[in-house]
Protein backbone atom coordinates (compact mmCIF):
# COMPACT_ATOMS: atom_id res chain seq x y z
CA MET A 1 -41.58 15.15 -41.05
CA LEU A 2 -43.65 15.32 -37.86
CA HIS A 3 -47.43 14.87 -38.14
CA THR A 4 -50.43 14.49 -35.86
CA ASN A 5 -49.39 10.87 -35.24
CA ASP A 6 -46.62 12.22 -33.04
CA LEU A 7 -49.14 14.21 -31.02
CA GLN A 8 -51.39 11.19 -30.65
CA GLU A 9 -48.48 9.14 -29.35
CA GLN A 10 -47.90 11.71 -26.61
CA ALA A 11 -51.63 11.87 -25.96
CA ARG A 12 -51.71 8.13 -25.34
CA ARG A 13 -48.69 8.45 -23.07
CA TRP A 14 -50.30 11.11 -20.90
CA PHE A 15 -54.06 10.56 -21.15
CA GLY A 16 -54.07 6.86 -21.87
CA GLN A 17 -55.97 7.32 -25.11
CA PRO A 18 -55.72 9.30 -28.37
CA ALA A 19 -57.27 12.73 -28.62
CA GLU A 20 -60.80 12.85 -29.98
CA ARG A 21 -59.93 15.88 -32.06
CA ILE A 22 -56.80 17.86 -32.88
CA GLU A 23 -57.25 21.53 -33.73
CA ALA A 24 -54.48 23.54 -35.39
CA LEU A 25 -53.92 26.94 -33.75
CA ARG A 26 -52.36 30.02 -35.18
CA GLY A 27 -48.71 30.12 -34.22
CA ASP A 28 -46.29 32.90 -33.37
CA ALA A 29 -43.32 34.14 -35.37
CA SER A 30 -41.41 30.87 -34.87
CA ARG A 31 -41.73 27.69 -36.96
CA ARG A 32 -43.37 25.69 -34.19
CA ALA A 33 -46.75 24.15 -34.94
CA ILE A 34 -49.30 24.54 -32.14
CA TYR A 35 -52.37 22.37 -31.63
CA ARG A 36 -55.24 21.97 -29.17
CA LEU A 37 -56.02 18.36 -28.30
CA HIS A 38 -59.60 17.63 -27.23
CA TYR A 39 -60.67 14.87 -24.81
CA GLY A 40 -64.37 15.54 -24.22
CA SER A 41 -64.39 18.53 -21.87
CA ARG A 42 -60.63 18.34 -21.31
CA THR A 43 -57.99 19.91 -23.53
CA ALA A 44 -54.22 20.16 -23.78
CA ILE A 45 -51.83 22.11 -25.96
CA GLY A 46 -49.49 20.17 -28.22
CA ILE A 47 -46.31 21.66 -29.66
CA VAL A 48 -44.43 20.24 -32.62
CA GLY A 49 -41.08 21.98 -32.80
CA PRO A 50 -38.58 21.30 -35.59
CA HIS A 51 -35.69 22.85 -33.63
CA ARG A 52 -34.72 20.50 -30.82
CA ALA A 53 -32.49 23.07 -29.08
CA GLU A 54 -35.38 25.54 -28.86
CA ASN A 55 -37.63 22.82 -27.46
CA LEU A 56 -35.05 21.84 -24.85
CA ALA A 57 -34.77 25.47 -23.74
CA PHE A 58 -38.52 25.79 -23.28
CA ILE A 59 -38.80 22.43 -21.50
CA GLY A 60 -35.85 23.05 -19.20
CA PHE A 61 -36.86 26.60 -18.35
CA THR A 62 -40.43 25.46 -17.66
CA GLN A 63 -39.21 22.82 -15.23
CA THR A 64 -37.17 25.44 -13.37
CA PHE A 65 -40.03 27.93 -13.24
CA LEU A 66 -42.46 25.30 -11.97
CA ALA A 67 -39.99 24.35 -9.23
CA LEU A 68 -39.97 28.04 -8.22
CA SER A 69 -43.80 28.19 -8.31
CA LEU A 70 -43.70 30.77 -11.08
CA PRO A 71 -46.93 31.10 -13.10
CA VAL A 72 -46.18 29.06 -16.23
CA PRO A 73 -48.11 26.17 -17.83
CA GLU A 74 -47.79 22.64 -16.47
CA LEU A 75 -45.67 20.42 -18.69
CA TYR A 76 -47.38 17.06 -19.24
CA THR A 77 -45.16 14.91 -21.44
CA VAL A 78 -42.21 15.17 -23.84
CA SER A 79 -41.42 12.84 -26.73
CA ASP A 80 -38.23 10.80 -26.63
CA ASN A 81 -36.75 12.89 -29.44
CA GLN A 82 -37.81 16.17 -27.74
CA HIS A 83 -39.62 17.40 -30.86
CA VAL A 84 -43.16 17.04 -29.43
CA TYR A 85 -44.53 17.99 -26.04
CA LEU A 86 -47.90 18.48 -24.39
CA MET A 87 -48.68 21.13 -21.83
CA GLU A 88 -51.53 22.76 -19.95
CA ASP A 89 -54.12 24.61 -22.02
CA LEU A 90 -54.31 28.18 -20.71
CA GLY A 91 -57.16 29.20 -22.99
CA ASP A 92 -57.26 31.75 -25.77
CA THR A 93 -57.22 35.13 -24.02
CA THR A 94 -53.89 36.89 -24.12
CA LEU A 95 -53.19 40.02 -22.12
CA ALA A 96 -52.99 41.86 -25.44
CA GLU A 97 -56.59 40.90 -26.16
CA TYR A 98 -57.66 41.76 -22.62
CA LEU A 99 -56.11 45.22 -22.93
CA GLN A 100 -57.81 45.76 -26.27
CA GLY A 101 -61.14 44.86 -24.68
CA CYS A 102 -60.57 47.54 -22.03
CA ARG A 103 -60.50 50.34 -24.60
CA ASP A 104 -63.44 52.69 -25.07
CA SER A 105 -64.88 54.00 -28.32
CA SER A 106 -62.07 56.58 -28.45
CA ASP A 107 -59.46 53.80 -28.16
CA ARG A 108 -58.45 54.90 -24.67
CA LEU A 109 -57.58 52.32 -22.03
CA ASN A 110 -59.76 52.10 -18.94
CA ARG A 111 -57.10 52.81 -16.36
CA GLU A 112 -59.01 51.36 -13.41
CA ALA A 113 -59.67 48.13 -15.31
CA VAL A 114 -56.11 47.49 -16.46
CA LEU A 115 -53.99 48.83 -13.60
CA PRO A 116 -54.25 45.73 -11.35
CA ALA A 117 -53.16 43.48 -14.24
CA LEU A 118 -50.27 45.77 -15.16
CA GLN A 119 -49.08 45.89 -11.56
CA GLN A 120 -49.25 42.09 -11.41
CA VAL A 121 -47.16 41.90 -14.58
CA VAL A 122 -44.42 43.96 -12.93
CA HIS A 123 -44.54 41.85 -9.77
CA ASP A 124 -44.31 38.61 -11.75
CA LEU A 125 -41.55 39.90 -14.01
CA VAL A 126 -39.34 40.77 -11.05
CA ARG A 127 -39.85 37.24 -9.72
CA PHE A 128 -38.74 35.71 -13.03
CA GLN A 129 -35.73 38.00 -13.25
CA VAL A 130 -34.50 37.65 -9.68
CA GLU A 131 -35.64 34.22 -8.46
CA ALA A 132 -34.69 32.37 -11.64
CA ALA A 133 -31.39 34.20 -12.15
CA ASP A 134 -29.23 31.57 -10.43
CA ARG A 135 -31.48 28.57 -11.03
CA ILE A 136 -31.71 28.57 -14.82
CA ASP A 137 -29.46 26.18 -16.74
CA TYR A 138 -27.98 28.67 -19.18
CA THR A 139 -26.37 25.89 -21.21
CA LEU A 140 -29.88 25.34 -22.59
CA CYS A 141 -29.91 28.79 -24.23
CA TYR A 142 -30.12 27.97 -27.93
CA GLN A 143 -29.17 31.41 -29.29
CA HIS A 144 -26.85 33.22 -26.87
CA ASP A 145 -26.51 32.57 -23.15
CA SER A 146 -26.20 36.28 -22.36
CA PHE A 147 -27.76 39.50 -23.59
CA ASP A 148 -24.47 41.12 -24.56
CA GLU A 149 -22.50 42.50 -27.50
CA ARG A 150 -23.26 39.47 -29.68
CA THR A 151 -27.02 39.86 -29.26
CA TRP A 152 -26.93 43.63 -29.66
CA LEU A 153 -24.99 43.25 -32.91
CA ASP A 154 -27.46 40.62 -34.12
CA ASP A 155 -30.43 42.84 -33.31
CA GLN A 156 -28.87 45.89 -34.94
CA GLN A 157 -27.94 43.83 -38.00
CA THR A 158 -31.51 42.57 -38.31
CA PHE A 159 -32.65 46.20 -38.10
CA LEU A 160 -30.22 47.16 -40.87
CA ASP A 161 -30.85 44.19 -43.16
CA HIS A 162 -34.61 43.76 -42.86
CA PHE A 163 -35.72 47.29 -42.12
CA VAL A 164 -33.31 50.03 -43.18
CA ARG A 165 -32.03 48.42 -46.37
CA ARG A 166 -35.51 47.15 -47.21
CA PHE A 167 -37.33 50.44 -46.81
CA LEU A 168 -34.56 52.97 -47.50
CA PRO A 169 -32.24 51.26 -50.00
CA GLY A 170 -29.17 53.18 -51.14
CA SER A 171 -30.11 56.29 -49.20
CA ILE A 172 -28.16 55.99 -45.96
CA ASP A 173 -24.68 56.86 -44.79
CA GLU A 174 -23.89 53.38 -43.48
CA GLU A 175 -20.56 54.33 -41.94
CA THR A 176 -22.01 57.14 -39.84
CA LEU A 177 -25.01 55.00 -38.91
CA ALA A 178 -22.65 52.20 -37.83
CA ASP A 179 -20.84 54.68 -35.57
CA ASP A 180 -24.14 55.63 -33.94
CA LEU A 181 -25.04 52.00 -33.34
CA LYS A 182 -21.62 51.36 -31.78
CA ARG A 183 -22.14 54.26 -29.38
CA HIS A 184 -25.51 52.80 -28.50
CA ARG A 185 -23.94 49.41 -27.68
CA LYS A 186 -21.51 51.07 -25.27
CA ARG A 187 -24.47 52.37 -23.27
CA LEU A 188 -25.99 48.90 -23.10
CA ALA A 189 -22.80 47.46 -21.63
CA GLN A 190 -22.95 49.55 -18.45
CA PRO A 191 -25.73 47.99 -16.26
CA ASP A 192 -25.43 44.70 -14.36
CA ARG A 193 -26.33 41.75 -16.61
CA SER A 194 -26.53 38.91 -14.08
CA TYR A 195 -30.30 38.39 -14.03
CA PHE A 196 -32.69 36.22 -16.03
CA LEU A 197 -33.85 38.00 -19.17
CA TYR A 198 -37.12 36.72 -20.65
CA ARG A 199 -36.25 38.24 -24.06
CA ASP A 200 -39.80 38.38 -25.50
CA PHE A 201 -41.76 39.77 -22.59
CA GLN A 202 -44.86 41.25 -24.17
CA PRO A 203 -48.67 40.98 -23.80
CA ARG A 204 -49.12 38.31 -26.48
CA ASN A 205 -47.00 36.00 -24.33
CA ILE A 206 -49.11 36.47 -21.21
CA MET A 207 -52.34 34.52 -20.84
CA VAL A 208 -55.34 35.72 -18.84
CA THR A 209 -56.86 32.73 -17.04
CA PRO A 210 -59.40 32.23 -14.23
CA ASP A 211 -56.42 31.57 -11.95
CA GLY A 212 -54.61 34.76 -12.89
CA LEU A 213 -51.88 35.69 -15.36
CA ARG A 214 -49.70 32.90 -16.79
CA TYR A 215 -46.58 33.27 -18.92
CA ILE A 216 -45.42 31.49 -22.09
CA ASP A 217 -42.79 31.72 -24.88
CA TYR A 218 -39.73 32.34 -22.72
CA GLN A 219 -37.50 29.89 -24.59
CA SER A 220 -35.28 32.70 -25.90
CA GLY A 221 -34.34 33.66 -22.33
CA ARG A 222 -30.76 34.24 -21.20
CA ARG A 223 -28.74 36.28 -18.71
CA GLY A 224 -29.08 40.03 -19.04
CA SER A 225 -30.08 43.37 -17.60
CA VAL A 226 -33.44 43.65 -15.87
CA LEU A 227 -34.29 46.69 -17.98
CA TYR A 228 -34.83 45.00 -21.33
CA ASP A 229 -37.94 43.01 -20.37
CA ILE A 230 -39.84 45.87 -18.76
CA VAL A 231 -39.28 48.19 -21.72
CA SER A 232 -40.20 45.34 -24.07
CA PHE A 233 -43.61 45.22 -22.42
CA ALA A 234 -44.06 48.94 -21.92
CA TYR A 235 -43.26 49.77 -25.55
CA SER A 236 -44.93 46.72 -27.07
CA SER A 237 -47.16 47.34 -30.08
CA SER A 238 -49.67 44.91 -28.57
CA SER A 239 -49.99 46.82 -25.28
CA ARG A 240 -50.22 50.31 -26.77
CA LEU A 241 -49.90 51.95 -23.39
CA ASP A 242 -50.11 55.70 -23.17
CA ARG A 243 -47.00 57.44 -21.90
CA THR A 244 -48.38 57.88 -18.39
CA LEU A 245 -49.12 54.18 -17.90
CA ARG A 246 -45.89 53.20 -19.62
CA ASN A 247 -43.83 55.40 -17.31
CA GLU A 248 -45.73 54.17 -14.24
CA MET A 249 -44.99 50.56 -15.14
CA ILE A 250 -41.31 51.28 -15.66
CA GLU A 251 -41.04 53.26 -12.41
CA LEU A 252 -42.81 50.52 -10.45
CA HIS A 253 -40.38 47.99 -11.88
CA LEU A 254 -37.35 50.11 -11.02
CA HIS A 255 -38.48 50.60 -7.41
CA THR A 256 -39.44 46.94 -6.97
CA MET A 257 -36.14 45.79 -8.41
CA ALA A 258 -34.21 48.18 -6.16
CA GLN A 259 -36.00 46.68 -3.14
CA ARG A 260 -34.99 43.14 -4.11
CA THR A 261 -31.44 43.71 -5.34
CA SER A 262 -28.42 45.90 -4.70
CA GLN A 263 -29.22 48.08 -7.73
CA THR A 264 -30.49 51.62 -7.15
CA THR A 265 -33.48 53.20 -8.80
CA ASP A 266 -31.45 56.14 -10.08
CA HIS A 267 -28.81 53.92 -11.67
CA LEU A 268 -31.42 51.77 -13.38
CA ARG A 269 -33.39 54.78 -14.59
CA GLU A 270 -30.27 56.22 -16.21
CA HIS A 271 -30.19 53.36 -18.71
CA VAL A 272 -33.89 52.79 -19.42
CA GLN A 273 -34.00 54.62 -22.73
CA ALA A 274 -30.93 52.84 -24.13
CA PHE A 275 -32.63 49.48 -23.55
CA ALA A 276 -35.92 50.77 -24.92
CA LEU A 277 -34.07 51.76 -28.09
CA ILE A 278 -32.45 48.35 -28.67
CA ARG A 279 -35.80 46.65 -28.13
CA LEU A 280 -37.50 48.98 -30.60
CA LEU A 281 -34.78 48.51 -33.22
CA GLN A 282 -35.04 44.73 -32.77
CA ALA A 283 -38.81 44.93 -33.14
CA LEU A 284 -38.60 47.03 -36.32
CA GLY A 285 -36.18 44.54 -37.84
CA SER A 286 -38.52 41.71 -36.86
CA TYR A 287 -41.51 43.49 -38.39
CA GLY A 288 -39.64 43.83 -41.68
CA ARG A 289 -38.36 40.24 -41.68
CA ASN A 290 -41.66 38.62 -40.67
CA GLY A 291 -43.75 40.99 -42.73
CA ILE A 292 -41.91 40.55 -46.01
CA ALA A 293 -39.31 37.77 -45.97
CA GLU A 294 -41.62 35.45 -43.98
CA GLY A 295 -44.75 36.56 -45.84
CA LYS A 296 -46.70 37.75 -42.77
CA PRO A 297 -47.71 41.33 -43.62
CA ARG A 298 -49.76 41.76 -40.43
CA PHE A 299 -46.46 42.55 -38.70
CA LEU A 300 -46.03 45.61 -40.91
CA ARG A 301 -48.99 47.36 -39.29
CA SER A 302 -46.91 47.90 -36.15
CA ILE A 303 -44.17 49.83 -37.97
CA PRO A 304 -45.55 53.40 -37.60
CA THR A 305 -45.94 53.09 -33.84
CA GLY A 306 -42.52 51.46 -33.55
CA LEU A 307 -40.89 54.29 -35.47
CA GLN A 308 -42.65 56.97 -33.46
CA ASN A 309 -41.67 55.30 -30.20
CA ALA A 310 -38.03 55.00 -31.28
CA LEU A 311 -37.91 58.69 -32.17
CA HIS A 312 -39.50 59.56 -28.83
CA VAL A 313 -36.90 57.47 -26.97
CA LEU A 314 -34.07 59.27 -28.76
CA ASP A 315 -35.46 62.55 -27.44
CA GLN A 316 -35.59 61.37 -23.82
CA ASP A 317 -31.88 60.65 -23.31
CA PRO A 318 -29.19 63.34 -23.78
CA GLN A 319 -26.64 60.86 -25.12
CA LEU A 320 -29.06 59.07 -27.45
CA LYS A 321 -30.15 62.46 -28.72
CA GLN A 322 -26.71 62.78 -30.32
CA LEU A 323 -27.28 59.76 -32.60
CA HIS A 324 -28.14 62.02 -35.53
CA ALA A 325 -27.62 59.47 -38.31
CA LEU A 326 -29.99 57.02 -36.62
CA ARG A 327 -32.60 59.72 -36.13
CA ASP A 328 -32.33 60.85 -39.75
CA THR A 329 -32.75 57.25 -40.91
CA LEU A 330 -35.83 56.63 -38.80
CA GLU A 331 -37.42 59.92 -39.85
CA ALA A 332 -36.75 59.22 -43.53
CA ILE A 333 -38.37 55.77 -43.36
CA LEU A 334 -41.38 57.16 -41.50
CA GLU A 335 -41.80 59.85 -44.14
CA ALA A 336 -41.39 57.44 -47.07
CA ARG A 337 -43.87 54.87 -45.62
CA ALA A 338 -42.31 52.28 -47.93
CA TRP A 339 -43.97 49.37 -46.10
CA GLU A 340 -47.49 50.36 -47.17
CA PRO A 341 -47.47 48.64 -50.61
CA TYR A 342 -46.88 45.31 -48.85
CA LEU A 343 -50.17 45.73 -46.95
CA SER A 344 -52.34 45.40 -50.04
CA ASN A 345 -52.90 41.69 -49.41
CA PRO A 346 -52.54 41.25 -45.65
CA ASP A 347 -52.68 37.77 -44.17
CA SER A 348 -55.65 36.89 -42.10
């Protein structure tokens, strides 16, 4: 098992001496352990990752992004077994926290304060998607190398197993629901999928630093449509954008992408809601899995907003509006509020 000795070995390799102090930081939904290493006034972030393939994806993608001058952390050193690596400390302020700090007493976002950051997010996202598309080594992808039928099935299955069957057991017409999900997958297959897809593009994975926005946790990236990442951000439970700002971000992305590629704004817009729906179903499944199976009930607090957003998305697209079994399932879970008993002892 890996311990702080492994971090100290990397510290000696990079800084020439062991860290004075190692501070454990709260991690994300993965099993990686994250630490801050202190050297007087200097710091670094140390990652101990049990899954070598995931580590190799992050390391390889980071090297490519740095070569393209994309705003990601500097990579300092990697252990010989690729289970431990040190990288630049970007501080503690995520874009999610910055956005929360820009809300008034009525919980409304200060538009003037957040708009420049949101516009920068769109600009940076397009750079990742377009400039890295043909430079990434997709053999490093440790899950799937493309956002395609396999991934959509996985995400829908997670939604079924960890959300629907958890919160609405024995009360669904699984055959009809499966037909709806198949129709949904057909919509996802239509747009061009030859770009880099970040996969988890959301405000908690964007750091606010004195030098501007910096991006982390892209190790699940793969080839895919440009639409998935922008809707991931716009509908994220940690951004909580109102519909006006959400639509403005999406429209800015569509127009910017059309300027840099052969895709048209109208064609991209036609498929936005289908990709928003798969992201929301994936998120709901993740909330159920992390909240209950992984014992992290804080994830369950995002379920009501996720459900409401999914129902809204179904209403925005004429074809998605015909997925009646899916709508009935989402409405039934929202009405039952079966996740609430698991919130009685939330994690800190």
